[in-house]
Amino acid sequence: MDTDTQVHHEITKLQDAKSLDDAAWIATMNEKEKETGDKLLAANHAFFKRIRDRGLKHPDERPVLIKIADGFDTVVTASSTS
């Protein structure tokens, strides 16, 4: 399911429940933020674990792997400040 469909689905659920008040909105956003944050944290952990494991198996690739990890970190940092 793409993001637009998810957003539309959530809006429809809220409209159907007639719960567009501030408290419901804040609770919904807090729940979504936590779910997304947990998924991002897990993906980030898995990415760096694969990089670390690859570097342990192939020491000659470590310089390239460090560049990949640094590039990933730069993208994450840039998107979190946008």
Protein backbone atom coordinates (compact mmCIF):
# COMPACT_ATOMS: atom_id res chain seq x y z
CA MET A 1 0.00 0.00 0.00
CA ASP A 2 1.53 3.34 -0.95
CA THR A 3 1.68 6.36 1.32
CA ASP A 4 -1.12 8.30 -0.40
CA THR A 5 -3.45 5.33 -0.06
CA GLN A 6 -2.49 4.91 3.60
CA VAL A 7 -3.12 8.60 4.32
CA HIS A 8 -6.47 8.49 2.52
CA HIS A 9 -7.42 5.33 4.43
CA GLU A 10 -6.52 6.93 7.78
CA ILE A 11 -8.44 10.12 6.92
CA THR A 12 -11.49 8.06 5.96
CA LYS A 13 -11.28 6.11 9.23
CA LEU A 14 -11.10 9.33 11.22
CA GLN A 15 -13.98 10.87 9.30
CA ASP A 16 -16.07 7.75 9.79
CA ALA A 17 -15.31 7.79 13.51
CA LYS A 18 -16.02 11.54 13.61
CA SER A 19 -12.89 11.87 15.73
CA LEU A 20 -11.21 14.82 14.09
CA ASP A 21 -10.70 16.58 17.41
CA ASP A 22 -7.22 17.60 18.50
CA ALA A 23 -6.75 14.82 21.06
CA ALA A 24 -7.59 12.11 18.50
CA TRP A 25 -5.33 13.73 15.93
CA ILE A 26 -2.39 13.95 18.36
CA ALA A 27 -2.88 10.35 19.50
CA THR A 28 -3.01 9.12 15.90
CA MET A 29 0.13 11.03 14.91
CA ASN A 30 2.01 9.86 18.02
CA GLU A 31 1.11 6.25 17.23
CA LYS A 32 2.16 6.59 13.58
CA GLU A 33 5.41 8.31 14.56
CA LYS A 34 6.26 5.50 16.97
CA GLU A 35 5.47 2.79 14.41
CA THR A 36 7.52 4.54 11.74
CA GLY A 37 10.36 5.28 14.14
CA ASP A 38 10.52 1.65 15.24
CA LYS A 39 10.62 0.50 11.60
CA LEU A 40 13.32 3.02 10.74
CA LEU A 41 15.41 2.05 13.75
CA ALA A 42 15.14 -1.64 12.82
CA ALA A 43 16.06 -0.92 9.19
CA ASN A 44 19.01 1.23 10.26
CA HIS A 45 20.24 -1.49 12.62
CA ALA A 46 19.91 -4.16 9.92
CA PHE A 47 21.78 -2.01 7.39
CA PHE A 48 24.76 -1.39 9.66
CA LYS A 49 24.80 -5.03 10.76
CA ARG A 50 25.11 -6.12 7.12
CA ILE A 51 27.89 -3.57 6.55
CA ARG A 52 29.73 -4.73 9.70
CA ASP A 53 29.36 -8.43 8.79
CA ARG A 54 30.57 -7.80 5.24
CA GLY A 55 33.58 -5.89 6.56
CA LEU A 56 34.44 -8.77 8.88
CA LYS A 57 34.30 -11.28 6.02
CA HIS A 58 36.08 -9.06 3.48
CA PRO A 59 38.66 -6.78 5.16
CA ASP A 60 39.84 -5.56 1.75
CA GLU A 61 36.38 -4.01 1.17
CA ARG A 62 36.36 -2.01 4.41
CA PRO A 63 37.32 1.35 2.84
CA VAL A 64 34.41 1.08 0.39
CA LEU A 65 32.03 -0.09 3.11
CA ILE A 66 32.99 2.89 5.29
CA LYS A 67 32.20 5.23 2.37
CA ILE A 68 28.80 3.54 1.93
CA ALA A 69 28.04 3.80 5.66
CA ASP A 70 29.14 7.45 5.73
CA GLY A 71 26.98 8.20 2.67
CA PHE A 72 24.00 6.54 4.30
CA ASP A 73 24.59 8.55 7.47
CA THR A 74 24.76 11.77 5.43
CA VAL A 75 21.43 11.01 3.72
CA VAL A 76 19.76 10.19 7.04
CA THR A 77 21.12 13.36 8.64
CA ALA A 78 20.04 15.53 5.70
CA SER A 79 16.53 14.09 5.64
CA SER A 80 16.09 14.52 9.40
CA THR A 81 16.96 18.23 9.18
CA SER A 82 14.64 18.88 6.21
